[in-house]
Amino acid sequence: MQKLDHKIKVSILGATGMVGQRFILLLNNHPWFEVVDIAASENSANKSYKNAVQSKWVMDDPIPENIKNLNLRSVENFNSIPKEVKIVFSAVDLSDKEKTRMFEFKYAKKGYAVISTSSANRESDDVPMLIPEINHEHLDILKVQQKNHHLPNSGFVVVKPNCSIQSYIFVLDALKKANYPIDKVQVTTLQALSGAGYQALSNTKFKNNVVPFINGEEEKTEAEPTKIFGAIKGNKIINNVNLKINATCTRVPIIDGHTAVVSISFSKNKPSIIDFKEILRSYISLPQNLNLPSAPIKPIHILDDKDRPQPKLDLKNDKGMALSIGRIQKDLFFDLRFVGLSHNTLRGAAGGAILNAELLVEKDYISSKN
């Protein structure tokens, strides 16, 4: 892990929303990064952060003192961005995906490293959809991206994947690296309200209710892992066509924490339950080897109690950046099944994006020099 002489200055776009709030808390006192710029919609521009957010602050911890009186910039206003900013964390989704794609690349063309939580550029074949433990080699596509979009050396877009898949995807990677390739995955997700943003917390249709459909979520859950497990061929990332995932995604009335009930079949050999647990327990990857500040010590936590994992008990394992796994057993129709749990606004959103930025700094895609 690098020891920086000074903190890298960063901006947060969409700072008033739920993911933006999580960014603010996670970046407060971060050893590498310092928030010097926050931005939101035109309606919030020129207001102090505390006045713009008011009762919409939903985090357990209070607004950091150094952020309260910081004035918000309109996300479309480039003239007032502090010149020392190098990284832009974006939690912005505009009215449609194409506008958001263009918006992110507009920042990249200005020379900023854009680390996004939006889905807009996830399907772009020259944009890495990064989980540092799994597909860090996809960062090699950034030179192609810069050429394709006529970006300066310091400008690029990196995105993180959908929060739903992070409640099980480490398991797939651990098995792949242990030479147990997976053929089929059946997953049913129970997704928290915070995944739908601030408005969902007060929406009465979610109170004491389960909604068995989330628009667009099943498509993302099925498609995005195939890109993550894909490979760079020529000038693009090619999806893995051998991995087949079938998903049902539901919204459940809890605040944070996405749970997934997962059944898997193997294409060749299959591990015993004992071997399966040992593979997961021993799983570490590049962020752990580099000792990145936001990396969990152990990406996967195995819970042996029959009634675990539970959001109330297990959501904050390893700074909320780990995947908790329980109910591991043989499956009647598949080979194995388990229940996974991850924190959707920590690992699944802001925390995952910050970990991406840390890897980019460590690998010198983002300069730590003034």
Protein backbone atom coordinates (compact mmCIF):
# COMPACT_ATOMS: atom_id res chain seq x y z
CA MET A 1 0.00 0.00 0.00
CA GLN A 2 1.25 3.43 -0.92
CA LYS A 3 2.12 6.11 1.64
CA LEU A 4 0.99 9.37 0.12
CA ASP A 5 2.70 12.64 1.00
CA HIS A 6 -0.62 14.43 0.67
CA LYS A 7 -4.25 13.51 0.14
CA ILE A 8 -5.70 13.39 -3.36
CA LYS A 9 -8.49 15.94 -3.80
CA VAL A 10 -11.84 14.52 -4.89
CA SER A 11 -15.34 15.60 -5.87
CA ILE A 12 -18.67 13.89 -5.19
CA LEU A 13 -21.45 14.24 -7.77
CA GLY A 14 -24.97 13.53 -6.52
CA ALA A 15 -23.80 14.34 -3.00
CA THR A 16 -27.27 14.84 -1.52
CA GLY A 17 -28.62 11.40 -2.46
CA MET A 18 -28.31 8.23 -0.42
CA VAL A 19 -25.18 6.95 -2.17
CA GLY A 20 -23.72 10.46 -2.12
CA GLN A 21 -24.26 10.59 1.64
CA ARG A 22 -22.48 7.27 2.00
CA PHE A 23 -19.57 8.63 -0.07
CA ILE A 24 -19.31 11.62 2.28
CA LEU A 25 -19.10 9.45 5.38
CA LEU A 26 -16.64 6.95 3.90
CA LEU A 27 -14.35 9.65 2.53
CA ASN A 28 -14.35 11.62 5.79
CA ASN A 29 -10.87 11.02 7.29
CA HIS A 30 -9.94 8.66 4.44
CA PRO A 31 -6.13 8.19 4.49
CA TRP A 32 -5.72 8.90 0.75
CA PHE A 33 -8.63 11.12 -0.34
CA GLU A 34 -10.02 14.49 0.69
CA VAL A 35 -13.41 15.86 -0.38
CA VAL A 36 -13.01 19.46 -1.57
CA ASP A 37 -15.97 19.67 -3.95
CA ILE A 38 -19.58 18.47 -3.81
CA ALA A 39 -22.20 18.80 -6.50
CA ALA A 40 -25.87 18.04 -7.07
CA SER A 41 -28.74 19.16 -9.27
CA GLU A 42 -29.29 22.79 -10.22
CA ASN A 43 -31.99 23.00 -7.52
CA SER A 44 -29.37 22.48 -4.82
CA ALA A 45 -26.62 24.61 -6.38
CA ASN A 46 -25.08 27.35 -4.20
CA LYS A 47 -26.74 26.04 -1.05
CA SER A 48 -24.72 24.82 1.89
CA TYR A 49 -24.75 21.04 2.19
CA LYS A 50 -26.62 21.05 5.50
CA ASN A 51 -29.33 23.36 4.10
CA ALA A 52 -29.70 21.37 0.90
CA VAL A 53 -29.99 18.00 2.68
CA GLN A 54 -31.90 19.01 5.84
CA SER A 55 -34.25 16.15 6.83
CA LYS A 56 -33.08 13.97 3.90
CA TRP A 57 -29.89 12.97 5.72
CA VAL A 58 -30.55 9.28 6.47
CA MET A 59 -27.17 8.00 7.62
CA ASP A 60 -26.71 6.85 11.24
CA ASP A 61 -23.68 9.11 11.70
CA PRO A 62 -24.05 12.91 11.48
CA ILE A 63 -22.88 15.05 8.58
CA PRO A 64 -19.12 15.64 9.00
CA GLU A 65 -18.34 19.14 10.26
CA ASN A 66 -16.05 19.91 7.32
CA ILE A 67 -18.89 19.18 4.86
CA LYS A 68 -21.84 20.92 6.55
CA ASN A 69 -21.04 24.40 5.29
CA LEU A 70 -19.48 23.40 1.97
CA ASN A 71 -21.49 24.93 -0.88
CA LEU A 72 -22.89 22.67 -3.54
CA ARG A 73 -21.97 23.11 -7.17
CA SER A 74 -24.31 22.26 -10.03
CA VAL A 75 -23.09 19.02 -11.62
CA GLU A 76 -23.23 20.76 -15.01
CA ASN A 77 -21.02 23.65 -13.88
CA PHE A 78 -17.36 22.91 -14.65
CA ASN A 79 -16.07 26.42 -14.06
CA SER A 80 -16.04 26.30 -10.27
CA ILE A 81 -14.41 22.88 -9.77
CA PRO A 82 -11.29 23.36 -7.63
CA LYS A 83 -8.31 22.97 -9.94
CA GLU A 84 -6.59 20.41 -7.70
CA VAL A 85 -9.45 17.84 -8.03
CA LYS A 86 -8.29 14.62 -9.71
CA ILE A 87 -11.04 12.10 -8.92
CA VAL A 88 -14.78 12.49 -9.44
CA PHE A 89 -17.02 10.01 -7.64
CA SER A 90 -20.34 10.06 -9.47
CA ALA A 91 -23.64 8.90 -7.98
CA VAL A 92 -25.66 10.71 -10.66
CA ASP A 93 -28.30 9.24 -12.94
CA LEU A 94 -29.82 11.72 -15.38
CA SER A 95 -33.16 11.35 -17.17
CA ASP A 96 -31.90 8.58 -19.47
CA LYS A 97 -28.84 6.37 -19.85
CA GLU A 98 -27.46 8.10 -22.93
CA LYS A 99 -27.42 11.46 -21.18
CA THR A 100 -25.66 9.88 -18.20
CA ARG A 101 -23.08 8.20 -20.48
CA MET A 102 -22.30 11.52 -22.13
CA PHE A 103 -22.27 13.30 -18.77
CA GLU A 104 -19.64 10.93 -17.35
CA PHE A 105 -17.44 11.23 -20.42
CA LYS A 106 -17.80 15.00 -20.33
CA TYR A 107 -16.00 14.94 -16.98
CA ALA A 108 -13.43 12.46 -18.33
CA LYS A 109 -12.71 14.79 -21.26
CA LYS A 110 -11.90 17.51 -18.74
CA GLY A 111 -9.16 15.22 -17.39
CA TYR A 112 -10.91 13.74 -14.35
CA ALA A 113 -10.81 10.11 -13.30
CA VAL A 114 -14.53 9.31 -13.10
CA ILE A 115 -15.50 6.48 -10.73
CA SER A 116 -19.21 5.89 -11.20
CA THR A 117 -21.95 3.96 -9.43
CA SER A 118 -24.37 4.47 -12.34
CA SER A 119 -25.43 1.68 -14.69
CA ALA A 120 -25.19 3.94 -17.76
CA ASN A 121 -21.73 2.82 -18.96
CA ARG A 122 -21.73 -0.73 -17.64
CA GLU A 123 -22.50 -2.21 -21.06
CA SER A 124 -19.86 -0.11 -22.84
CA ASP A 125 -17.21 -2.52 -24.13
CA ASP A 126 -14.33 -0.10 -23.43
CA VAL A 127 -15.42 0.76 -19.85
CA PRO A 128 -14.20 -1.60 -17.11
CA MET A 129 -16.97 -2.69 -14.74
CA LEU A 130 -14.63 -3.29 -11.87
CA ILE A 131 -14.58 -5.48 -8.78
CA PRO A 132 -10.91 -5.26 -7.76
CA GLU A 133 -10.78 -8.79 -6.34
CA ILE A 134 -12.05 -10.30 -9.58
CA ASN A 135 -11.26 -8.44 -12.81
CA HIS A 136 -8.54 -5.89 -12.09
CA GLU A 137 -6.88 -6.86 -15.39
CA HIS A 138 -9.78 -5.13 -17.20
CA LEU A 139 -8.11 -1.82 -16.37
CA ASP A 140 -5.89 -2.51 -19.37
CA ILE A 141 -8.81 -1.37 -21.57
CA LEU A 142 -8.48 2.22 -20.34
CA LYS A 143 -5.88 3.10 -22.97
CA VAL A 144 -8.34 1.94 -25.64
CA GLN A 145 -11.11 3.97 -24.00
CA GLN A 146 -8.96 7.09 -23.96
CA LYS A 147 -8.18 6.67 -27.66
CA ASN A 148 -11.81 5.94 -28.58
CA HIS A 149 -13.15 9.00 -26.77
CA HIS A 150 -10.19 11.35 -27.31
CA LEU A 151 -9.51 11.65 -23.59
CA PRO A 152 -6.44 13.16 -21.93
CA ASN A 153 -4.06 10.83 -20.08
CA SER A 154 -5.66 11.63 -16.71
CA GLY A 155 -9.26 11.21 -17.89
CA PHE A 156 -11.28 7.98 -17.99
CA VAL A 157 -14.46 6.31 -16.76
CA VAL A 158 -14.55 3.24 -14.51
CA VAL A 159 -17.84 1.86 -13.19
CA LYS A 160 -18.83 -0.54 -10.47
CA PRO A 161 -21.43 -3.26 -11.05
CA ASN A 162 -24.97 -3.56 -9.76
CA CYS A 163 -25.29 -3.98 -6.00
CA SER A 164 -27.41 -7.15 -6.33
CA ILE A 165 -24.62 -9.33 -7.76
CA GLN A 166 -22.20 -8.55 -4.94
CA SER A 167 -24.20 -10.74 -2.59
CA TYR A 168 -22.80 -13.81 -4.34
CA ILE A 169 -20.22 -13.03 -7.05
CA PHE A 170 -17.14 -13.56 -4.85
CA VAL A 171 -18.25 -17.17 -4.46
CA LEU A 172 -18.23 -17.64 -8.23
CA ASP A 173 -14.74 -16.15 -8.46
CA ALA A 174 -13.37 -18.26 -5.60
CA LEU A 175 -14.65 -21.43 -7.25
CA LYS A 176 -13.33 -20.40 -10.67
CA LYS A 177 -9.86 -19.76 -9.25
CA ALA A 178 -9.98 -23.13 -7.46
CA ASN A 179 -10.64 -24.84 -10.84
CA TYR A 180 -14.32 -25.52 -10.24
CA PRO A 181 -15.90 -23.64 -13.16
CA ILE A 182 -19.60 -22.93 -12.79
CA ASP A 183 -22.15 -23.75 -15.47
CA LYS A 184 -25.49 -22.46 -14.13
CA VAL A 185 -26.61 -20.12 -11.37
CA GLN A 186 -30.14 -19.64 -10.06
CA VAL A 187 -30.45 -16.60 -7.79
CA THR A 188 -33.33 -14.96 -5.95
CA THR A 189 -32.48 -11.63 -4.37
CA LEU A 190 -34.17 -9.91 -1.42
CA GLN A 191 -33.07 -6.32 -1.90
CA ALA A 192 -33.17 -3.51 0.65
CA LEU A 193 -35.06 -0.25 0.27
CA SER A 194 -31.92 1.86 0.18
CA GLY A 195 -31.12 0.29 -3.18
CA ALA A 196 -34.07 2.25 -4.59
CA GLY A 197 -32.89 5.56 -3.16
CA TYR A 198 -34.15 7.98 -0.55
CA GLN A 199 -37.74 8.02 -1.82
CA ALA A 200 -38.20 4.30 -1.16
CA LEU A 201 -37.72 4.75 2.58
CA SER A 202 -40.93 6.73 2.90
CA ASN A 203 -42.91 5.05 0.11
CA THR A 204 -45.92 3.33 1.72
CA LYS A 205 -46.07 0.62 -0.95
CA PHE A 206 -42.92 -0.92 0.57
CA LYS A 207 -44.15 -0.85 4.17
CA ASN A 208 -44.81 -4.37 5.53
CA ASN A 209 -44.65 -5.62 1.97
CA VAL A 210 -42.57 -7.59 -0.52
CA VAL A 211 -42.56 -6.37 -4.12
CA PRO A 212 -41.65 -9.28 -6.43
CA PHE A 213 -40.37 -7.14 -9.31
CA ILE A 214 -37.68 -4.45 -9.68
CA ASN A 215 -37.59 -2.87 -13.11
CA GLY A 216 -34.40 -3.76 -14.97
CA GLU A 217 -32.79 -5.50 -12.02
CA GLU A 218 -33.04 -9.07 -13.23
CA GLU A 219 -31.45 -8.17 -16.56
CA LYS A 220 -28.50 -6.52 -14.76
CA THR A 221 -28.13 -9.42 -12.34
CA GLU A 222 -28.01 -11.92 -15.18
CA ALA A 223 -25.80 -9.97 -17.60
CA GLU A 224 -23.25 -8.07 -15.54
CA PRO A 225 -21.32 -11.09 -14.15
CA THR A 226 -20.73 -12.28 -17.72
CA LYS A 227 -18.84 -9.04 -18.42
CA ILE A 228 -16.93 -9.19 -15.13
CA PHE A 229 -15.82 -12.74 -15.96
CA GLY A 230 -15.15 -11.78 -19.57
CA ALA A 231 -11.80 -10.93 -21.14
CA ILE A 232 -10.19 -8.20 -23.20
CA LYS A 233 -9.90 -9.31 -26.81
CA GLY A 234 -8.62 -6.82 -29.31
CA ASN A 235 -10.05 -3.43 -28.44
CA LYS A 236 -13.01 -4.47 -26.31
CA ILE A 237 -14.16 -6.48 -23.32
CA ILE A 238 -15.90 -9.65 -24.51
CA ASN A 239 -18.48 -11.21 -22.18
CA ASN A 240 -18.16 -14.77 -20.91
CA VAL A 241 -20.74 -16.80 -22.83
CA ASN A 242 -20.32 -19.95 -20.74
CA LEU A 243 -21.77 -18.55 -17.50
CA LYS A 244 -25.57 -18.79 -17.35
CA ILE A 245 -27.48 -16.93 -14.62
CA ASN A 246 -31.24 -16.89 -14.03
CA ALA A 247 -32.44 -14.25 -11.58
CA THR A 248 -35.58 -13.23 -9.70
CA CYS A 249 -35.19 -9.89 -7.91
CA THR A 250 -37.49 -8.69 -5.14
CA ARG A 251 -37.69 -5.64 -2.87
CA VAL A 252 -38.12 -6.30 0.86
CA PRO A 253 -38.91 -3.87 3.73
CA ILE A 254 -35.48 -3.49 5.33
CA ILE A 255 -33.24 -0.42 5.11
CA ASP A 256 -29.84 -1.86 4.12
CA GLY A 257 -28.54 -5.23 2.99
CA HIS A 258 -29.14 -7.32 -0.12
CA THR A 259 -29.68 -11.03 0.50
CA ALA A 260 -29.39 -13.65 -2.24
CA VAL A 261 -30.56 -17.27 -2.25
CA VAL A 262 -28.25 -18.98 -4.73
CA SER A 263 -28.10 -22.45 -6.32
CA ILE A 264 -25.17 -23.42 -8.54
CA SER A 265 -24.20 -26.22 -10.91
CA PHE A 266 -20.65 -27.01 -11.98
CA SER A 267 -19.60 -27.65 -15.55
CA LYS A 268 -17.03 -30.31 -14.60
CA ASN A 269 -15.85 -31.42 -11.17
CA LYS A 270 -17.74 -30.30 -8.10
CA PRO A 271 -16.32 -29.76 -4.60
CA SER A 272 -17.55 -31.38 -1.42
CA ILE A 273 -19.24 -29.15 1.16
CA ILE A 274 -16.04 -29.22 3.23
CA ASP A 275 -13.89 -28.23 0.23
CA PHE A 276 -16.41 -25.56 -0.77
CA LYS A 277 -16.22 -23.91 2.65
CA GLU A 278 -12.43 -24.05 2.70
CA ILE A 279 -12.22 -22.47 -0.76
CA LEU A 280 -14.37 -19.58 0.44
CA ARG A 281 -12.57 -19.17 3.77
CA SER A 282 -9.17 -18.98 2.09
CA TYR A 283 -10.24 -16.61 -0.69
CA ILE A 284 -8.16 -13.44 -0.95
CA SER A 285 -7.12 -11.39 -3.95
CA LEU A 286 -5.26 -8.30 -5.09
CA PRO A 287 -6.85 -5.69 -2.76
CA GLN A 288 -5.93 -7.82 0.25
CA ASN A 289 -2.39 -8.40 -1.02
CA LEU A 290 -2.00 -4.65 -1.60
CA ASN A 291 -3.60 -3.86 1.78
CA LEU A 292 -5.80 -1.18 0.22
CA PRO A 293 -7.46 1.04 2.86
CA SER A 294 -11.07 0.01 2.08
CA ALA A 295 -10.37 -3.65 1.32
CA PRO A 296 -11.88 -6.25 3.66
CA ILE A 297 -9.31 -8.47 5.35
CA LYS A 298 -11.40 -11.47 4.28
CA PRO A 299 -13.76 -10.87 1.34
CA ILE A 300 -15.94 -13.87 2.28
CA HIS A 301 -17.14 -14.70 5.80
CA ILE A 302 -18.60 -18.18 6.40
CA LEU A 303 -21.36 -18.33 9.04
CA ASP A 304 -22.19 -21.78 10.37
CA ASP A 305 -25.36 -20.98 12.37
CA LYS A 306 -28.45 -22.19 10.51
CA ASP A 307 -30.23 -18.84 10.82
CA ARG A 308 -27.44 -16.71 9.34
CA PRO A 309 -26.62 -14.45 7.57
CA GLN A 310 -29.00 -11.74 8.77
CA PRO A 311 -28.83 -8.03 7.92
CA LYS A 312 -29.25 -7.04 11.58
CA LEU A 313 -26.33 -9.19 12.69
CA ASP A 314 -23.93 -9.56 9.78
CA LEU A 315 -24.19 -6.53 7.52
CA LYS A 316 -21.14 -4.70 8.85
CA ASN A 317 -18.68 -7.59 8.70
CA ASP A 318 -15.22 -6.30 7.74
CA LYS A 319 -16.27 -2.62 7.50
CA GLY A 320 -19.37 -3.62 5.52
CA MET A 321 -17.12 -4.60 2.61
CA ALA A 322 -17.30 -8.38 2.99
CA LEU A 323 -19.76 -10.96 1.71
CA SER A 324 -21.38 -13.13 4.40
CA ILE A 325 -22.33 -16.68 3.42
CA GLY A 326 -24.48 -19.24 5.24
CA ARG A 327 -26.96 -22.10 4.72
CA ILE A 328 -24.42 -24.00 2.60
CA GLN A 329 -25.89 -27.35 1.58
CA LYS A 330 -26.47 -29.74 -1.28
CA ASP A 331 -29.26 -28.86 -3.68
CA LEU A 332 -31.84 -31.29 -5.06
CA PHE A 333 -31.78 -29.90 -8.61
CA PHE A 334 -28.41 -28.09 -8.67
CA ASP A 335 -25.13 -29.10 -7.02
CA LEU A 336 -24.92 -26.65 -4.10
CA ARG A 337 -26.88 -23.79 -2.61
CA PHE A 338 -26.22 -21.02 -0.10
CA VAL A 339 -27.52 -17.69 1.18
CA GLY A 340 -25.36 -14.59 0.70
CA LEU A 341 -25.58 -11.11 2.21
CA SER A 342 -23.78 -7.88 1.30
CA HIS A 343 -24.14 -4.22 2.21
CA ASN A 344 -25.65 -2.57 -0.84
CA THR A 345 -24.56 1.04 -0.20
CA LEU A 346 -21.14 0.09 1.20
CA ARG A 347 -19.69 -2.77 -0.84
CA GLY A 348 -22.41 -2.47 -3.43
CA ALA A 349 -22.08 1.25 -4.11
CA ALA A 350 -19.93 3.95 -2.49
CA GLY A 351 -17.48 1.65 -0.71
CA GLY A 352 -16.93 -0.42 -3.84
CA ALA A 353 -16.31 2.74 -5.87
CA ILE A 354 -13.77 4.02 -3.33
CA LEU A 355 -11.98 0.66 -3.40
CA ASN A 356 -11.84 0.99 -7.20
CA ALA A 357 -10.23 4.41 -6.81
CA GLU A 358 -7.68 3.06 -4.35
CA LEU A 359 -6.65 0.35 -6.81
CA LEU A 360 -6.37 2.93 -9.60
CA VAL A 361 -4.04 5.01 -7.43
CA GLU A 362 -1.97 1.98 -6.45
CA LYS A 363 -1.63 0.98 -10.10
CA ASP A 364 -0.68 4.56 -11.12
CA TYR A 365 -3.72 5.16 -13.30
CA ILE A 366 -4.35 8.11 -10.98
CA SER A 367 -1.30 10.15 -10.04
CA SER A 368 -0.71 10.80 -6.37
CA LYS A 369 1.60 13.72 -7.19
CA ASN A 370 0.54 17.36 -7.06
